[in-house]
Amino acid sequence: NSITVLFFAKEGDGCVLNSTKENVLAPVTIHFQQGLGQKFRQPSGTGITLSMFEESELLKVGDLDVYPVAVKADASSGDVNGTNETPTSGNKTNTNSQITQAVFEKEKGEFRVKVVKQILWVNGMRYELQEIYGIGTSVESDLDGNDPGKECVICLSEPRDTTVLPCRHM
């Protein structure tokens, strides 16, 4: 089980992430034991020094094949030997991953990270997570039954309990 932080990452086949600037910024992988309640702490000095890059390169959002920041959490089940090797189909492991891809934004002179895409890799299948518009004001999140924003956008009388696809409105 591991967390990998990559900079200027590009997704390849099988949800494999590769750093396009690995010669300048090597990916950082932290291994951890199985179990809940794990805390990720990236070792000091293994992050990105923003001054190494031109601001235009950091804020580049036109080429969204390459994401300035990507975090990949891998969880394996089966026989794990504790090495840094990536499990392959020949091993007795099944690796599932969650990938968060982000961009840098500059606000009031400070860089911030904005998540733009999340991917799940489960049992060899890739799923891109999508936001559900209106879920923040759904029935479960509000106790005030008189809130006018909680009703179905179609019948306008029943509470929201269904997501409409492909528009992803609640």
C-alpha atoms as a PDB file:
ATOM      1  CA  ASN A   1       0.000   0.000   0.000  1.00  0.00           C
ATOM      2  CA  SER A   2       1.386   3.374  -0.926  1.00  0.00           C
ATOM      3  CA  ILE A   3       0.797   7.032  -1.686  1.00  0.00           C
ATOM      4  CA  THR A   4       2.699   8.525  -4.623  1.00  0.00           C
ATOM      5  CA  VAL A   5       2.926  12.249  -5.312  1.00  0.00           C
ATOM      6  CA  LEU A   6       3.898  13.156  -8.869  1.00  0.00           C
ATOM      7  CA  PHE A   7       4.502  16.519 -10.463  1.00  0.00           C
ATOM      8  CA  PHE A   8       3.660  17.247 -14.110  1.00  0.00           C
ATOM      9  CA  ALA A   9       2.046  13.819 -14.365  1.00  0.00           C
ATOM     10  CA  LYS A  10       0.529  12.219 -17.433  1.00  0.00           C
ATOM     11  CA  GLU A  11      -1.829   9.245 -17.271  1.00  0.00           C
ATOM     12  CA  GLY A  12      -1.008   6.251 -19.429  1.00  0.00           C
ATOM     13  CA  ASP A  13      -2.741   2.936 -20.060  1.00  0.00           C
ATOM     14  CA  GLY A  14      -3.937   1.065 -16.992  1.00  0.00           C
ATOM     15  CA  CYS A  15      -4.027   4.231 -14.858  1.00  0.00           C
ATOM     16  CA  VAL A  16      -0.232   4.335 -14.779  1.00  0.00           C
ATOM     17  CA  LEU A  17       1.037   7.840 -14.015  1.00  0.00           C
ATOM     18  CA  ASN A  18       4.340   9.072 -15.387  1.00  0.00           C
ATOM     19  CA  SER A  19       6.110  12.285 -14.519  1.00  0.00           C
ATOM     20  CA  THR A  20       6.986  14.312 -17.617  1.00  0.00           C
ATOM     21  CA  LYS A  21       9.749  16.051 -15.623  1.00  0.00           C
ATOM     22  CA  GLU A  22      11.153  13.062 -13.752  1.00  0.00           C
ATOM     23  CA  ASN A  23      14.699  14.262 -14.456  1.00  0.00           C
ATOM     24  CA  VAL A  24      13.942  17.410 -12.376  1.00  0.00           C
ATOM     25  CA  LEU A  25      11.284  16.178  -9.919  1.00  0.00           C
ATOM     26  CA  ALA A  26      11.231  12.492  -9.061  1.00  0.00           C
ATOM     27  CA  PRO A  27       7.915  11.050  -7.851  1.00  0.00           C
ATOM     28  CA  VAL A  28       7.688  10.565  -4.085  1.00  0.00           C
ATOM     29  CA  THR A  29       6.281   7.229  -2.894  1.00  0.00           C
ATOM     30  CA  ILE A  30       5.477   6.545   0.748  1.00  0.00           C
ATOM     31  CA  HIS A  31       4.600   2.958   1.736  1.00  0.00           C
ATOM     32  CA  PHE A  32       2.305   2.151   4.651  1.00  0.00           C
ATOM     33  CA  GLN A  33       0.828  -0.863   6.405  1.00  0.00           C
ATOM     34  CA  GLN A  34      -2.691  -2.163   5.871  1.00  0.00           C
ATOM     35  CA  GLY A  35      -5.421  -0.783   8.090  1.00  0.00           C
ATOM     36  CA  LEU A  36      -7.620   2.190   8.737  1.00  0.00           C
ATOM     37  CA  GLY A  37      -6.578   5.473  10.320  1.00  0.00           C
ATOM     38  CA  GLN A  38      -3.349   5.876   8.354  1.00  0.00           C
ATOM     39  CA  LYS A  39      -1.880   9.381   8.136  1.00  0.00           C
ATOM     40  CA  PHE A  40       0.138  10.509   5.147  1.00  0.00           C
ATOM     41  CA  ARG A  41       3.126  12.697   5.887  1.00  0.00           C
ATOM     42  CA  GLN A  42       5.343  13.587   2.976  1.00  0.00           C
ATOM     43  CA  PRO A  43       8.998  13.749   4.027  1.00  0.00           C
ATOM     44  CA  SER A  44      10.405  17.247   4.325  1.00  0.00           C
ATOM     45  CA  GLY A  45      12.326  18.352   1.263  1.00  0.00           C
ATOM     46  CA  THR A  46      10.511  16.035  -1.168  1.00  0.00           C
ATOM     47  CA  GLY A  47       7.939  18.533  -2.439  1.00  0.00           C
ATOM     48  CA  ILE A  48       8.088  20.950  -5.320  1.00  0.00           C
ATOM     49  CA  THR A  49      10.165  24.140  -5.317  1.00  0.00           C
ATOM     50  CA  LEU A  50       7.929  26.449  -7.291  1.00  0.00           C
ATOM     51  CA  SER A  51      10.764  28.835  -8.114  1.00  0.00           C
ATOM     52  CA  MET A  52      12.350  26.096 -10.281  1.00  0.00           C
ATOM     53  CA  PHE A  53       9.673  26.716 -12.912  1.00  0.00           C
ATOM     54  CA  GLU A  54       8.325  29.639 -14.872  1.00  0.00           C
ATOM     55  CA  GLU A  55       4.968  30.838 -13.552  1.00  0.00           C
ATOM     56  CA  SER A  56       3.420  30.287 -16.990  1.00  0.00           C
ATOM     57  CA  GLU A  57       4.484  26.629 -16.822  1.00  0.00           C
ATOM     58  CA  LEU A  58       2.967  26.143 -13.364  1.00  0.00           C
ATOM     59  CA  LEU A  59      -0.328  27.800 -14.289  1.00  0.00           C
ATOM     60  CA  LYS A  60      -0.598  26.083 -17.664  1.00  0.00           C
ATOM     61  CA  VAL A  61      -4.061  24.551 -17.934  1.00  0.00           C
ATOM     62  CA  GLY A  62      -4.325  24.257 -21.724  1.00  0.00           C
ATOM     63  CA  ASP A  63      -2.655  20.820 -21.864  1.00  0.00           C
ATOM     64  CA  LEU A  64      -4.822  18.825 -19.484  1.00  0.00           C
ATOM     65  CA  ASP A  65      -3.103  15.603 -20.478  1.00  0.00           C
ATOM     66  CA  VAL A  66      -0.388  16.741 -18.070  1.00  0.00           C
ATOM     67  CA  TYR A  67      -1.426  17.726 -14.545  1.00  0.00           C
ATOM     68  CA  PRO A  68       0.983  19.787 -12.421  1.00  0.00           C
ATOM     69  CA  VAL A  69       0.133  17.701  -9.326  1.00  0.00           C
ATOM     70  CA  ALA A  70      -1.165  14.143  -9.046  1.00  0.00           C
ATOM     71  CA  VAL A  71      -1.611  11.984  -5.966  1.00  0.00           C
ATOM     72  CA  LYS A  72      -2.093   8.236  -6.387  1.00  0.00           C
ATOM     73  CA  ALA A  73      -3.163   6.040  -3.484  1.00  0.00           C
ATOM     74  CA  ASP A  74      -2.622   2.320  -4.125  1.00  0.00           C
ATOM     75  CA  ALA A  75      -4.163  -0.397  -1.961  1.00  0.00           C
ATOM     76  CA  SER A  76      -3.243  -4.015  -2.616  1.00  0.00           C
ATOM     77  CA  SER A  77      -4.882  -7.195  -1.482  1.00  0.00           C
ATOM     78  CA  GLY A  78      -3.327 -10.625  -1.614  1.00  0.00           C
ATOM     79  CA  ASP A  79       0.335 -11.541  -1.218  1.00  0.00           C
ATOM     80  CA  VAL A  80       2.315  -8.342  -0.778  1.00  0.00           C
ATOM     81  CA  ASN A  81       6.049  -8.779  -0.313  1.00  0.00           C
ATOM     82  CA  GLY A  82       6.791  -5.199   0.776  1.00  0.00           C
ATOM     83  CA  THR A  83       8.973  -4.296  -2.186  1.00  0.00           C
ATOM     84  CA  ASN A  84       8.650  -1.206  -4.321  1.00  0.00           C
ATOM     85  CA  GLU A  85       7.630  -3.320  -7.306  1.00  0.00           C
ATOM     86  CA  THR A  86       4.354  -2.501  -8.992  1.00  0.00           C
ATOM     87  CA  PRO A  87       2.093  -5.557  -8.895  1.00  0.00           C
ATOM     88  CA  THR A  88       1.529  -7.134 -12.293  1.00  0.00           C
ATOM     89  CA  SER A  89      -0.974  -9.643 -13.541  1.00  0.00           C
ATOM     90  CA  GLY A  90       1.504 -12.435 -12.765  1.00  0.00           C
ATOM     91  CA  ASN A  91       1.581 -11.608  -9.034  1.00  0.00           C
ATOM     92  CA  LYS A  92      -1.042 -12.721  -6.566  1.00  0.00           C
ATOM     93  CA  THR A  93      -2.070  -9.156  -5.803  1.00  0.00           C
ATOM     94  CA  ASN A  94      -4.982  -7.013  -6.811  1.00  0.00           C
ATOM     95  CA  THR A  95      -4.142  -3.319  -6.722  1.00  0.00           C
ATOM     96  CA  ASN A  96      -6.900  -0.734  -6.618  1.00  0.00           C
ATOM     97  CA  SER A  97      -6.049   2.945  -6.919  1.00  0.00           C
ATOM     98  CA  GLN A  98      -7.513   6.367  -6.348  1.00  0.00           C
ATOM     99  CA  ILE A  99      -5.939   9.171  -8.372  1.00  0.00           C
ATOM    100  CA  THR A 100      -6.418  12.876  -7.710  1.00  0.00           C
ATOM    101  CA  GLN A 101      -5.213  15.227 -10.444  1.00  0.00           C
ATOM    102  CA  ALA A 102      -4.844  18.924  -9.713  1.00  0.00           C
ATOM    103  CA  VAL A 103      -3.680  22.224 -11.146  1.00  0.00           C
ATOM    104  CA  PHE A 104      -2.018  25.254  -9.588  1.00  0.00           C
ATOM    105  CA  GLU A 105      -3.900  28.543  -9.313  1.00  0.00           C
ATOM    106  CA  LYS A 106      -2.513  31.861  -8.154  1.00  0.00           C
ATOM    107  CA  GLU A 107      -4.697  33.932  -5.843  1.00  0.00           C
ATOM    108  CA  LYS A 108      -3.512  37.134  -4.152  1.00  0.00           C
ATOM    109  CA  GLY A 109       0.093  36.276  -4.939  1.00  0.00           C
ATOM    110  CA  GLU A 110      -0.084  32.763  -3.444  1.00  0.00           C
ATOM    111  CA  PHE A 111      -0.191  29.443  -5.258  1.00  0.00           C
ATOM    112  CA  ARG A 112      -3.076  27.109  -4.420  1.00  0.00           C
ATOM    113  CA  VAL A 113      -3.893  23.610  -5.600  1.00  0.00           C
ATOM    114  CA  LYS A 114      -7.292  22.969  -7.213  1.00  0.00           C
ATOM    115  CA  VAL A 115      -8.513  19.402  -7.751  1.00  0.00           C
ATOM    116  CA  VAL A 116      -9.857  18.998 -11.277  1.00  0.00           C
ATOM    117  CA  LYS A 117     -10.219  15.235 -11.725  1.00  0.00           C
ATOM    118  CA  GLN A 118     -10.515  12.106  -9.602  1.00  0.00           C
ATOM    119  CA  ILE A 119     -10.213   8.562 -10.908  1.00  0.00           C
ATOM    120  CA  LEU A 120     -10.819   5.167  -9.332  1.00  0.00           C
ATOM    121  CA  TRP A 121      -9.061   2.090 -10.695  1.00  0.00           C
ATOM    122  CA  VAL A 122     -10.917  -0.947  -9.330  1.00  0.00           C
ATOM    123  CA  ASN A 123     -10.470  -4.548 -10.518  1.00  0.00           C
ATOM    124  CA  GLY A 124      -8.911  -3.384 -13.784  1.00  0.00           C
ATOM    125  CA  MET A 125     -11.676  -0.892 -14.587  1.00  0.00           C
ATOM    126  CA  ARG A 126     -11.231   2.903 -14.758  1.00  0.00           C
ATOM    127  CA  TYR A 127     -13.963   5.119 -13.281  1.00  0.00           C
ATOM    128  CA  GLU A 128     -13.853   8.903 -13.449  1.00  0.00           C
ATOM    129  CA  LEU A 129     -15.659  10.457 -10.498  1.00  0.00           C
ATOM    130  CA  GLN A 130     -18.127  13.220 -11.310  1.00  0.00           C
ATOM    131  CA  GLU A 131     -19.658  15.884  -9.112  1.00  0.00           C
ATOM    132  CA  ILE A 132     -23.408  15.639  -8.456  1.00  0.00           C
ATOM    133  CA  TYR A 133     -24.869  19.135  -8.617  1.00  0.00           C
ATOM    134  CA  GLY A 134     -27.243  19.881  -5.746  1.00  0.00           C
ATOM    135  CA  ILE A 135     -26.209  16.994  -3.507  1.00  0.00           C
ATOM    136  CA  GLY A 136     -25.084  19.502  -0.863  1.00  0.00           C
ATOM    137  CA  THR A 137     -28.717  20.513  -0.359  1.00  0.00           C
ATOM    138  CA  SER A 138     -30.169  17.003  -0.542  1.00  0.00           C
ATOM    139  CA  VAL A 139     -32.550  15.494   2.012  1.00  0.00           C
ATOM    140  CA  GLU A 140     -29.793  13.843   4.078  1.00  0.00           C
ATOM    141  CA  SER A 141     -27.739  17.009   4.530  1.00  0.00           C
ATOM    142  CA  ASP A 142     -30.526  19.351   5.685  1.00  0.00           C
ATOM    143  CA  LEU A 143     -32.742  18.903   8.722  1.00  0.00           C
ATOM    144  CA  ASP A 144     -34.990  21.851   7.881  1.00  0.00           C
ATOM    145  CA  GLY A 145     -37.903  20.305   5.984  1.00  0.00           C
ATOM    146  CA  ASN A 146     -39.144  23.757   4.924  1.00  0.00           C
ATOM    147  CA  ASP A 147     -36.083  24.597   2.820  1.00  0.00           C
ATOM    148  CA  PRO A 148     -37.423  25.488  -0.654  1.00  0.00           C
ATOM    149  CA  GLY A 149     -34.240  24.243  -2.398  1.00  0.00           C
ATOM    150  CA  LYS A 150     -34.738  20.596  -1.378  1.00  0.00           C
ATOM    151  CA  GLU A 151     -37.532  19.588  -3.711  1.00  0.00           C
ATOM    152  CA  CYS A 152     -37.191  17.623  -6.928  1.00  0.00           C
ATOM    153  CA  VAL A 153     -36.390  19.850  -9.910  1.00  0.00           C
ATOM    154  CA  ILE A 154     -38.906  17.948 -12.039  1.00  0.00           C
ATOM    155  CA  CYS A 155     -42.075  17.577  -9.926  1.00  0.00           C
ATOM    156  CA  LEU A 156     -41.225  20.416  -7.480  1.00  0.00           C
ATOM    157  CA  SER A 157     -43.015  18.659  -4.634  1.00  0.00           C
ATOM    158  CA  GLU A 158     -41.121  15.527  -3.513  1.00  0.00           C
ATOM    159  CA  PRO A 159     -37.690  15.663  -1.813  1.00  0.00           C
ATOM    160  CA  ARG A 160     -34.541  15.142  -3.897  1.00  0.00           C
ATOM    161  CA  ASP A 161     -33.430  11.523  -3.857  1.00  0.00           C
ATOM    162  CA  THR A 162     -32.293  10.761  -7.422  1.00  0.00           C
ATOM    163  CA  THR A 163     -29.464  11.864  -9.673  1.00  0.00           C
ATOM    164  CA  VAL A 164     -30.364  12.633 -13.270  1.00  0.00           C
ATOM    165  CA  LEU A 165     -27.831  11.455 -15.848  1.00  0.00           C
ATOM    166  CA  PRO A 166     -26.012  12.561 -17.941  1.00  0.00           C
ATOM    167  CA  CYS A 167     -26.366  16.115 -16.551  1.00  0.00           C
ATOM    168  CA  ARG A 168     -25.635  14.946 -12.935  1.00  0.00           C
ATOM    169  CA  HIS A 169     -28.223  17.191 -11.289  1.00  0.00           C
ATOM    170  CA  MET A 170     -29.838  15.996  -8.059  1.00  0.00           C
END
